[in-house]
PDB file of all heavy atoms in Angstrom:
ATOM      1  N   GLN A   1      30.841   3.727 -15.088  1.00  0.00           N
ATOM      2  CA  GLN A   1      31.271   2.483 -14.439  1.00  0.00           C
ATOM      3  C   GLN A   1      30.775   2.392 -12.975  1.00  0.00           C
ATOM      4  O   GLN A   1      30.179   1.388 -12.582  1.00  0.00           O
ATOM      5  CB  GLN A   1      32.799   2.382 -14.479  1.00  0.00           C
ATOM      6  CG  GLN A   1      33.363   1.123 -13.832  1.00  0.00           C
ATOM      7  CD  GLN A   1      33.167  -0.124 -14.630  1.00  0.00           C
ATOM      8  OE1 GLN A   1      33.056  -0.072 -15.848  1.00  0.00           O
ATOM      9  NE2 GLN A   1      33.134  -1.295 -13.971  1.00  0.00           N
ATOM     10  N   GLU A   2      31.049   3.403 -12.193  1.00  0.00           N
ATOM     11  CA  GLU A   2      30.655   3.344 -10.771  1.00  0.00           C
ATOM     12  C   GLU A   2      29.135   3.338 -10.607  1.00  0.00           C
ATOM     13  O   GLU A   2      28.603   2.598  -9.769  1.00  0.00           O
ATOM     14  CB  GLU A   2      31.262   4.520 -10.010  1.00  0.00           C
ATOM     15  CG  GLU A   2      32.797   4.441  -9.878  1.00  0.00           C
ATOM     16  CD  GLU A   2      33.324   5.541  -8.987  1.00  0.00           C
ATOM     17  OE1 GLU A   2      32.534   6.297  -8.381  1.00  0.00           O
ATOM     18  OE2 GLU A   2      34.566   5.666  -8.904  1.00  0.00           O
ATOM     19  N   GLN A   3      28.431   4.136 -11.394  1.00  0.00           N
ATOM     20  CA  GLN A   3      26.976   4.236 -11.297  1.00  0.00           C
ATOM     21  C   GLN A   3      26.334   2.916 -11.689  1.00  0.00           C
ATOM     22  O   GLN A   3      25.385   2.445 -11.029  1.00  0.00           O
ATOM     23  CB  GLN A   3      26.460   5.363 -12.170  1.00  0.00           C
ATOM     24  CG  GLN A   3      25.031   5.780 -11.889  1.00  0.00           C
ATOM     25  CD  GLN A   3      24.608   7.003 -12.718  1.00  0.00           C
ATOM     26  OE1 GLN A   3      25.354   7.518 -13.530  1.00  0.00           O
ATOM     27  NE2 GLN A   3      23.364   7.430 -12.504  1.00  0.00           N
ATOM     28  N   VAL A   4      26.804   2.262 -12.760  1.00  0.00           N
ATOM     29  CA  VAL A   4      26.222   1.004 -13.182  1.00  0.00           C
ATOM     30  C   VAL A   4      26.555  -0.109 -12.203  1.00  0.00           C
ATOM     31  O   VAL A   4      25.691  -0.957 -11.890  1.00  0.00           O
ATOM     32  CB  VAL A   4      26.706   0.647 -14.603  1.00  0.00           C
ATOM     33  CG1 VAL A   4      26.295  -0.767 -14.993  1.00  0.00           C
ATOM     34  CG2 VAL A   4      26.163   1.619 -15.633  1.00  0.00           C
ATOM     35  N   ALA A   5      27.784  -0.104 -11.683  1.00  0.00           N
ATOM     36  CA  ALA A   5      28.174  -1.135 -10.709  1.00  0.00           C
ATOM     37  C   ALA A   5      27.284  -1.022  -9.455  1.00  0.00           C
ATOM     38  O   ALA A   5      26.874  -2.020  -8.875  1.00  0.00           O
ATOM     39  CB  ALA A   5      29.630  -0.950 -10.330  1.00  0.00           C
ATOM     40  N   ALA A   6      26.987   0.205  -9.044  1.00  0.00           N
ATOM     41  CA  ALA A   6      26.116   0.399  -7.885  1.00  0.00           C
ATOM     42  C   ALA A   6      24.692  -0.047  -8.179  1.00  0.00           C
ATOM     43  O   ALA A   6      24.000  -0.632  -7.331  1.00  0.00           O
ATOM     44  CB  ALA A   6      26.123   1.867  -7.450  1.00  0.00           C
ATOM     45  N   ALA A   7      24.222   0.205  -9.416  1.00  0.00           N
ATOM     46  CA  ALA A   7      22.860  -0.165  -9.784  1.00  0.00           C
ATOM     47  C   ALA A   7      22.705  -1.691  -9.863  1.00  0.00           C
ATOM     48  O   ALA A   7      21.645  -2.223  -9.524  1.00  0.00           O
ATOM     49  CB  ALA A   7      22.493   0.452 -11.136  1.00  0.00           C
ATOM     50  N   LEU A   8      23.772  -2.395 -10.276  1.00  0.00           N
ATOM     51  CA  LEU A   8      23.691  -3.869 -10.427  1.00  0.00           C
ATOM     52  C   LEU A   8      24.210  -4.612  -9.219  1.00  0.00           C
ATOM     53  O   LEU A   8      23.931  -5.814  -9.070  1.00  0.00           O
ATOM     54  CB  LEU A   8      24.489  -4.292 -11.662  1.00  0.00           C
ATOM     55  CG  LEU A   8      23.980  -3.771 -13.040  1.00  0.00           C
ATOM     56  CD1 LEU A   8      24.902  -4.238 -14.137  1.00  0.00           C
ATOM     57  CD2 LEU A   8      22.555  -4.208 -13.295  1.00  0.00           C
ATOM     58  N   GLY A   9      24.959  -3.956  -8.397  1.00  0.00           N
ATOM     59  CA  GLY A   9      25.597  -4.648  -7.261  1.00  0.00           C
ATOM     60  C   GLY A   9      26.751  -5.519  -7.680  1.00  0.00           C
ATOM     61  O   GLY A   9      27.223  -6.373  -6.889  1.00  0.00           O
ATOM     62  N   ILE A  10      27.251  -5.304  -8.903  1.00  0.00           N
ATOM     63  CA  ILE A  10      28.388  -6.075  -9.420  1.00  0.00           C
ATOM     64  C   ILE A  10      29.063  -5.227 -10.499  1.00  0.00           C
ATOM     65  O   ILE A  10      28.377  -4.622 -11.300  1.00  0.00           O
ATOM     66  CB  ILE A  10      27.938  -7.428  -9.977  1.00  0.00           C
ATOM     67  CG1 ILE A  10      29.106  -8.285 -10.414  1.00  0.00           C
ATOM     68  CG2 ILE A  10      26.943  -7.249 -11.111  1.00  0.00           C
ATOM     69  CD1 ILE A  10      28.731  -9.711 -10.799  1.00  0.00           C
ATOM     70  N   PRO A  11      30.400  -5.147 -10.530  1.00  0.00           N
ATOM     71  CA  PRO A  11      31.062  -4.341 -11.549  1.00  0.00           C
ATOM     72  C   PRO A  11      31.046  -5.032 -12.909  1.00  0.00           C
ATOM     73  O   PRO A  11      31.370  -6.218 -13.009  1.00  0.00           O
ATOM     74  CB  PRO A  11      32.490  -4.207 -11.019  1.00  0.00           C
ATOM     75  CG  PRO A  11      32.670  -5.410 -10.116  1.00  0.00           C
ATOM     76  CD  PRO A  11      31.329  -5.705  -9.544  1.00  0.00           C
ATOM     77  N   PRO A  12      30.659  -4.332 -13.963  1.00  0.00           N
ATOM     78  CA  PRO A  12      30.717  -4.939 -15.289  1.00  0.00           C
ATOM     79  C   PRO A  12      32.147  -5.072 -15.774  1.00  0.00           C
ATOM     80  O   PRO A  12      33.022  -4.271 -15.386  1.00  0.00           O
ATOM     81  CB  PRO A  12      29.913  -3.958 -16.171  1.00  0.00           C
ATOM     82  CG  PRO A  12      30.017  -2.657 -15.447  1.00  0.00           C
ATOM     83  CD  PRO A  12      30.079  -2.968 -13.980  1.00  0.00           C
ATOM     84  N   VAL A  13      32.406  -6.068 -16.626  1.00  0.00           N
ATOM     85  CA  VAL A  13      33.732  -6.241 -17.212  1.00  0.00           C
ATOM     86  C   VAL A  13      33.896  -5.376 -18.453  1.00  0.00           C
ATOM     87  O   VAL A  13      35.022  -5.130 -18.897  1.00  0.00           O
ATOM     88  CB  VAL A  13      34.022  -7.710 -17.553  1.00  0.00           C
ATOM     89  CG1 VAL A  13      33.984  -8.561 -16.296  1.00  0.00           C
ATOM     90  CG2 VAL A  13      33.041  -8.254 -18.589  1.00  0.00           C
ATOM     91  N   ASP A  14      32.795  -4.874 -19.008  1.00  0.00           N
ATOM     92  CA  ASP A  14      32.837  -3.946 -20.123  1.00  0.00           C
ATOM     93  C   ASP A  14      31.581  -3.146 -20.100  1.00  0.00           C
ATOM     94  O   ASP A  14      30.539  -3.608 -19.581  1.00  0.00           O
ATOM     95  CB  ASP A  14      32.966  -4.688 -21.462  1.00  0.00           C
ATOM     96  CG  ASP A  14      33.443  -3.791 -22.615  1.00  0.00           C
ATOM     97  OD1 ASP A  14      33.760  -2.622 -22.346  1.00  0.00           O
ATOM     98  OD2 ASP A  14      33.460  -4.282 -23.747  1.00  0.00           O
ATOM     99  N   LEU A  15      31.613  -1.926 -20.610  1.00  0.00           N
ATOM    100  CA  LEU A  15      30.461  -1.032 -20.520  1.00  0.00           C
ATOM    101  C   LEU A  15      30.439  -0.193 -21.792  1.00  0.00           C
ATOM    102  O   LEU A  15      31.429   0.445 -22.154  1.00  0.00           O
ATOM    103  CB  LEU A  15      30.599  -0.152 -19.287  1.00  0.00           C
ATOM    104  CG  LEU A  15      29.357   0.587 -18.794  1.00  0.00           C
ATOM    105  CD1 LEU A  15      28.236  -0.378 -18.430  1.00  0.00           C
ATOM    106  CD2 LEU A  15      29.724   1.448 -17.577  1.00  0.00           C
ATOM    107  N   CYS A  16      29.280  -0.168 -22.445  1.00  0.00           N
ATOM    108  CA  CYS A  16      29.155   0.650 -23.636  1.00  0.00           C
ATOM    109  C   CYS A  16      27.683   1.107 -23.749  1.00  0.00           C
ATOM    110  O   CYS A  16      26.821   0.700 -22.926  1.00  0.00           O
ATOM    111  CB  CYS A  16      29.601  -0.074 -24.907  1.00  0.00           C
ATOM    112  SG  CYS A  16      28.779  -1.660 -25.182  1.00  0.00           S
ATOM    113  N   ARG A  17      27.411   1.896 -24.736  1.00  0.00           N
ATOM    114  CA  ARG A  17      26.063   2.401 -24.879  1.00  0.00           C
ATOM    115  C   ARG A  17      25.726   2.632 -26.360  1.00  0.00           C
ATOM    116  O   ARG A  17      26.601   2.823 -27.193  1.00  0.00           O
ATOM    117  CB  ARG A  17      25.823   3.684 -24.096  1.00  0.00           C
ATOM    118  CG  ARG A  17      26.643   4.886 -24.555  1.00  0.00           C
ATOM    119  CD  ARG A  17      26.324   6.131 -23.764  1.00  0.00           C
ATOM    120  NE  ARG A  17      24.953   6.560 -23.976  1.00  0.00           N
ATOM    121  CZ  ARG A  17      24.368   7.587 -23.322  1.00  0.00           C
ATOM    122  NH1 ARG A  17      25.057   8.245 -22.405  1.00  0.00           N
ATOM    123  NH2 ARG A  17      23.142   7.912 -23.569  1.00  0.00           N
ATOM    124  N   GLY A  18      24.436   2.625 -26.637  1.00  0.00           N
ATOM    125  CA  GLY A  18      23.885   2.980 -27.948  1.00  0.00           C
ATOM    126  C   GLY A  18      22.565   3.678 -27.604  1.00  0.00           C
ATOM    127  O   GLY A  18      22.564   4.673 -26.888  1.00  0.00           O
ATOM    128  N   GLY A  19      21.442   3.117 -28.077  1.00  0.00           N
ATOM    129  CA  GLY A  19      20.170   3.637 -27.626  1.00  0.00           C
ATOM    130  C   GLY A  19      19.932   3.378 -26.146  1.00  0.00           C
ATOM    131  O   GLY A  19      19.262   4.117 -25.467  1.00  0.00           O
ATOM    132  N   MET A  20      20.475   2.257 -25.639  1.00  0.00           N
ATOM    133  CA  MET A  20      20.455   1.896 -24.233  1.00  0.00           C
ATOM    134  C   MET A  20      21.887   1.758 -23.736  1.00  0.00           C
ATOM    135  O   MET A  20      22.850   1.787 -24.526  1.00  0.00           O
ATOM    136  CB  MET A  20      19.724   0.581 -23.978  1.00  0.00           C
ATOM    137  CG  MET A  20      18.227   0.611 -24.177  1.00  0.00           C
ATOM    138  SD  MET A  20      17.490  -0.979 -23.693  1.00  0.00           S
ATOM    139  CE  MET A  20      15.738  -0.575 -23.803  1.00  0.00           C
ATOM    140  N   GLY A  21      22.057   1.658 -22.420  1.00  0.00           N
ATOM    141  CA  GLY A  21      23.333   1.290 -21.867  1.00  0.00           C
ATOM    142  C   GLY A  21      23.468  -0.217 -21.910  1.00  0.00           C
ATOM    143  O   GLY A  21      22.482  -0.947 -21.884  1.00  0.00           O
ATOM    144  N   MET A  22      24.726  -0.710 -21.980  1.00  0.00           N
ATOM    145  CA  MET A  22      24.956  -2.140 -22.013  1.00  0.00           C
ATOM    146  C   MET A  22      26.116  -2.489 -21.090  1.00  0.00           C
ATOM    147  O   MET A  22      27.241  -1.999 -21.259  1.00  0.00           O
ATOM    148  CB  MET A  22      25.277  -2.622 -23.429  1.00  0.00           C
ATOM    149  CG  MET A  22      25.373  -4.139 -23.560  1.00  0.00           C
ATOM    150  SD  MET A  22      25.563  -4.707 -25.275  1.00  0.00           S
ATOM    151  CE  MET A  22      27.286  -4.368 -25.548  1.00  0.00           C
ATOM    152  N   ALA A  23      25.833  -3.362 -20.101  1.00  0.00           N
ATOM    153  CA  ALA A  23      26.822  -3.816 -19.138  1.00  0.00           C
ATOM    154  C   ALA A  23      27.143  -5.281 -19.418  1.00  0.00           C
ATOM    155  O   ALA A  23      26.240  -6.137 -19.379  1.00  0.00           O
ATOM    156  CB  ALA A  23      26.324  -3.635 -17.701  1.00  0.00           C
ATOM    157  N   VAL A  24      28.386  -5.596 -19.711  1.00  0.00           N
ATOM    158  CA  VAL A  24      28.820  -6.942 -19.950  1.00  0.00           C
ATOM    159  C   VAL A  24      29.313  -7.552 -18.661  1.00  0.00           C
ATOM    160  O   VAL A  24      30.212  -6.965 -18.009  1.00  0.00           O
ATOM    161  CB  VAL A  24      29.923  -6.996 -21.031  1.00  0.00           C
ATOM    162  CG1 VAL A  24      30.309  -8.442 -21.325  1.00  0.00           C
ATOM    163  CG2 VAL A  24      29.457  -6.285 -22.293  1.00  0.00           C
ATOM    164  N   LEU A  25      28.779  -8.689 -18.244  1.00  0.00           N
ATOM    165  CA  LEU A  25      29.187  -9.381 -17.033  1.00  0.00           C
ATOM    166  C   LEU A  25      30.047 -10.580 -17.362  1.00  0.00           C
ATOM    167  O   LEU A  25      30.209 -10.953 -18.522  1.00  0.00           O
ATOM    168  CB  LEU A  25      27.981  -9.773 -16.210  1.00  0.00           C
ATOM    169  CG  LEU A  25      27.018  -8.644 -15.803  1.00  0.00           C
ATOM    170  CD1 LEU A  25      25.927  -9.180 -14.865  1.00  0.00           C
ATOM    171  CD2 LEU A  25      27.753  -7.488 -15.165  1.00  0.00           C
ATOM    172  N   ALA A  26      30.593 -11.207 -16.321  1.00  0.00           N
ATOM    173  CA  ALA A  26      31.593 -12.246 -16.518  1.00  0.00           C
ATOM    174  C   ALA A  26      30.965 -13.591 -16.950  1.00  0.00           C
ATOM    175  O   ALA A  26      31.659 -14.429 -17.527  1.00  0.00           O
ATOM    176  CB  ALA A  26      32.412 -12.453 -15.242  1.00  0.00           C
ATOM    177  N   SER A  27      29.706 -13.794 -16.650  1.00  0.00           N
ATOM    178  CA  SER A  27      29.089 -15.119 -16.963  1.00  0.00           C
ATOM    179  C   SER A  27      27.579 -14.994 -17.101  1.00  0.00           C
ATOM    180  O   SER A  27      26.961 -14.022 -16.617  1.00  0.00           O
ATOM    181  CB  SER A  27      29.390 -16.116 -15.849  1.00  0.00           C
ATOM    182  OG  SER A  27      28.698 -15.754 -14.661  1.00  0.00           O
ATOM    183  N   ALA A  28      26.981 -15.980 -17.758  1.00  0.00           N
ATOM    184  CA  ALA A  28      25.536 -16.050 -17.880  1.00  0.00           C
ATOM    185  C   ALA A  28      24.889 -16.210 -16.509  1.00  0.00           C
ATOM    186  O   ALA A  28      23.793 -15.678 -16.267  1.00  0.00           O
ATOM    187  CB  ALA A  28      25.120 -17.208 -18.774  1.00  0.00           C
ATOM    188  N   GLN A  29      25.559 -16.906 -15.599  1.00  0.00           N
ATOM    189  CA  GLN A  29      25.034 -17.065 -14.272  1.00  0.00           C
ATOM    190  C   GLN A  29      24.907 -15.697 -13.566  1.00  0.00           C
ATOM    191  O   GLN A  29      23.883 -15.454 -12.877  1.00  0.00           O
ATOM    192  CB  GLN A  29      25.918 -17.994 -13.431  1.00  0.00           C
ATOM    193  CG  GLN A  29      25.357 -18.296 -12.056  1.00  0.00           C
ATOM    194  CD  GLN A  29      26.259 -19.272 -11.277  1.00  0.00           C
ATOM    195  OE1 GLN A  29      27.449 -19.337 -11.499  1.00  0.00           O
ATOM    196  NE2 GLN A  29      25.648 -20.013 -10.383  1.00  0.00           N
ATOM    197  N   GLN A  30      25.869 -14.847 -13.729  1.00  0.00           N
ATOM    198  CA  GLN A  30      25.766 -13.512 -13.144  1.00  0.00           C
ATOM    199  C   GLN A  30      24.586 -12.731 -13.745  1.00  0.00           C
ATOM    200  O   GLN A  30      23.868 -12.054 -13.004  1.00  0.00           O
ATOM    201  CB  GLN A  30      27.046 -12.733 -13.352  1.00  0.00           C
ATOM    202  CG  GLN A  30      28.200 -13.171 -12.490  1.00  0.00           C
ATOM    203  CD  GLN A  30      29.406 -12.285 -12.609  1.00  0.00           C
ATOM    204  OE1 GLN A  30      29.516 -11.469 -13.556  1.00  0.00           O
ATOM    205  NE2 GLN A  30      30.347 -12.439 -11.689  1.00  0.00           N
ATOM    206  N   VAL A  31      24.373 -12.861 -15.056  1.00  0.00           N
ATOM    207  CA  VAL A  31      23.252 -12.193 -15.664  1.00  0.00           C
ATOM    208  C   VAL A  31      21.935 -12.706 -15.092  1.00  0.00           C
ATOM    209  O   VAL A  31      21.020 -11.945 -14.773  1.00  0.00           O
ATOM    210  CB  VAL A  31      23.270 -12.381 -17.203  1.00  0.00           C
ATOM    211  CG1 VAL A  31      21.998 -11.871 -17.852  1.00  0.00           C
ATOM    212  CG2 VAL A  31      24.496 -11.717 -17.799  1.00  0.00           C
ATOM    213  N   GLN A  32      21.846 -14.029 -14.911  1.00  0.00           N
ATOM    214  CA  GLN A  32      20.637 -14.624 -14.411  1.00  0.00           C
ATOM    215  C   GLN A  32      20.336 -14.210 -12.976  1.00  0.00           C
ATOM    216  O   GLN A  32      19.196 -14.018 -12.568  1.00  0.00           O
ATOM    217  CB  GLN A  32      20.721 -16.146 -14.495  1.00  0.00           C
ATOM    218  CG  GLN A  32      19.392 -16.857 -14.407  1.00  0.00           C
ATOM    219  CD  GLN A  32      19.501 -18.254 -15.013  1.00  0.00           C
ATOM    220  OE1 GLN A  32      20.516 -18.920 -14.925  1.00  0.00           O
ATOM    221  NE2 GLN A  32      18.431 -18.714 -15.630  1.00  0.00           N
ATOM    222  N   GLN A  33      21.365 -14.054 -12.178  1.00  0.00           N
ATOM    223  CA  GLN A  33      21.200 -13.822 -10.738  1.00  0.00           C
ATOM    224  C   GLN A  33      21.176 -12.351 -10.320  1.00  0.00           C
ATOM    225  O   GLN A  33      20.833 -12.078  -9.187  1.00  0.00           O
ATOM    226  CB  GLN A  33      22.311 -14.562  -9.970  1.00  0.00           C
ATOM    227  CG  GLN A  33      22.237 -16.068 -10.105  1.00  0.00           C
ATOM    228  CD  GLN A  33      23.357 -16.775  -9.367  1.00  0.00           C
ATOM    229  OE1 GLN A  33      24.337 -16.146  -8.948  1.00  0.00           O
ATOM    230  NE2 GLN A  33      23.248 -18.113  -9.290  1.00  0.00           N
ATOM    231  N   VAL A  34      21.559 -11.429 -11.212  1.00  0.00           N
ATOM    232  CA  VAL A  34      21.650 -10.049 -10.811  1.00  0.00           C
ATOM    233  C   VAL A  34      20.278  -9.509 -10.363  1.00  0.00           C
ATOM    234  O   VAL A  34      19.226  -9.827 -10.936  1.00  0.00           O
ATOM    235  CB  VAL A  34      22.201  -9.201 -11.973  1.00  0.00           C
ATOM    236  CG1 VAL A  34      21.226  -9.061 -13.141  1.00  0.00           C
ATOM    237  CG2 VAL A  34      22.647  -7.851 -11.480  1.00  0.00           C
ATOM    238  N   GLN A  35      20.311  -8.739  -9.275  1.00  0.00           N
ATOM    239  CA  GLN A  35      19.094  -8.133  -8.721  1.00  0.00           C
ATOM    240  C   GLN A  35      19.326  -6.636  -8.650  1.00  0.00           C
ATOM    241  O   GLN A  35      19.894  -6.100  -7.655  1.00  0.00           O
ATOM    242  CB  GLN A  35      18.752  -8.712  -7.375  1.00  0.00           C
ATOM    243  CG  GLN A  35      18.455 -10.214  -7.399  1.00  0.00           C
ATOM    244  CD  GLN A  35      18.062 -10.754  -6.046  1.00  0.00           C
ATOM    245  OE1 GLN A  35      18.052 -10.066  -5.026  1.00  0.00           O
ATOM    246  NE2 GLN A  35      17.767 -12.047  -6.014  1.00  0.00           N
ATOM    247  N   PRO A  36      18.902  -5.893  -9.653  1.00  0.00           N
ATOM    248  CA  PRO A  36      19.251  -4.458  -9.716  1.00  0.00           C
ATOM    249  C   PRO A  36      18.561  -3.631  -8.631  1.00  0.00           C
ATOM    250  O   PRO A  36      17.511  -4.001  -8.108  1.00  0.00           O
ATOM    251  CB  PRO A  36      18.763  -4.044 -11.103  1.00  0.00           C
ATOM    252  CG  PRO A  36      18.567  -5.315 -11.872  1.00  0.00           C
ATOM    253  CD  PRO A  36      18.213  -6.350 -10.845  1.00  0.00           C
ATOM    254  N   ASP A  37      19.181  -2.499  -8.336  1.00  0.00           N
ATOM    255  CA  ASP A  37      18.557  -1.481  -7.549  1.00  0.00           C
ATOM    256  C   ASP A  37      17.792  -0.598  -8.524  1.00  0.00           C
ATOM    257  O   ASP A  37      18.366   0.162  -9.317  1.00  0.00           O
ATOM    258  CB  ASP A  37      19.648  -0.667  -6.828  1.00  0.00           C
ATOM    259  CG  ASP A  37      19.055   0.458  -5.959  1.00  0.00           C
ATOM    260  OD1 ASP A  37      18.201   1.215  -6.452  1.00  0.00           O
ATOM    261  OD2 ASP A  37      19.474   0.558  -4.781  1.00  0.00           O
ATOM    262  N   TRP A  38      16.446  -0.694  -8.522  1.00  0.00           N
ATOM    263  CA  TRP A  38      15.639  -0.080  -9.573  1.00  0.00           C
ATOM    264  C   TRP A  38      15.758   1.435  -9.553  1.00  0.00           C
ATOM    265  O   TRP A  38      15.758   2.070 -10.624  1.00  0.00           O
ATOM    266  CB  TRP A  38      14.181  -0.508  -9.427  1.00  0.00           C
ATOM    267  CG  TRP A  38      14.017  -1.989  -9.527  1.00  0.00           C
ATOM    268  CD1 TRP A  38      13.540  -2.848  -8.556  1.00  0.00           C
ATOM    269  CD2 TRP A  38      14.345  -2.808 -10.624  1.00  0.00           C
ATOM    270  NE1 TRP A  38      13.561  -4.141  -8.987  1.00  0.00           N
ATOM    271  CE2 TRP A  38      14.051  -4.148 -10.265  1.00  0.00           C
ATOM    272  CE3 TRP A  38      14.876  -2.571 -11.897  1.00  0.00           C
ATOM    273  CZ2 TRP A  38      14.251  -5.223 -11.136  1.00  0.00           C
ATOM    274  CZ3 TRP A  38      15.078  -3.656 -12.785  1.00  0.00           C
ATOM    275  CH2 TRP A  38      14.767  -4.948 -12.399  1.00  0.00           C
ATOM    276  N   ALA A  39      15.856   2.043  -8.414  1.00  0.00           N
ATOM    277  CA  ALA A  39      15.970   3.487  -8.350  1.00  0.00           C
ATOM    278  C   ALA A  39      17.284   3.929  -9.028  1.00  0.00           C
ATOM    279  O   ALA A  39      17.265   4.936  -9.746  1.00  0.00           O
ATOM    280  CB  ALA A  39      15.936   3.970  -6.897  1.00  0.00           C
ATOM    281  N   GLN A  40      18.353   3.169  -8.817  1.00  0.00           N
ATOM    282  CA  GLN A  40      19.615   3.543  -9.417  1.00  0.00           C
ATOM    283  C   GLN A  40      19.627   3.259 -10.930  1.00  0.00           C
ATOM    284  O   GLN A  40      20.240   3.973 -11.723  1.00  0.00           O
ATOM    285  CB  GLN A  40      20.769   2.846  -8.722  1.00  0.00           C
ATOM    286  CG  GLN A  40      20.957   3.261  -7.279  1.00  0.00           C
ATOM    287  CD  GLN A  40      22.327   2.974  -6.750  1.00  0.00           C
ATOM    288  OE1 GLN A  40      23.332   3.411  -7.290  1.00  0.00           O
ATOM    289  NE2 GLN A  40      22.384   2.229  -5.647  1.00  0.00           N
ATOM    290  N   VAL A  41      18.956   2.192 -11.349  1.00  0.00           N
ATOM    291  CA  VAL A  41      18.809   1.957 -12.806  1.00  0.00           C
ATOM    292  C   VAL A  41      18.051   3.092 -13.459  1.00  0.00           C
ATOM    293  O   VAL A  41      18.438   3.592 -14.518  1.00  0.00           O
ATOM    294  CB  VAL A  41      18.112   0.601 -13.080  1.00  0.00           C
ATOM    295  CG1 VAL A  41      17.810   0.429 -14.571  1.00  0.00           C
ATOM    296  CG2 VAL A  41      18.976  -0.559 -12.594  1.00  0.00           C
TER     297      VAL A  41
END
């Protein structure tokens, strides 16, 4: 949770993983606007 929130600059409302990690955000607008920290990703 903390590592992904730092990488995205926004805390996810849900977090799970399979082959990849998956961060669920509150809205499509947040998904569109997120600017990740690539080193942390």
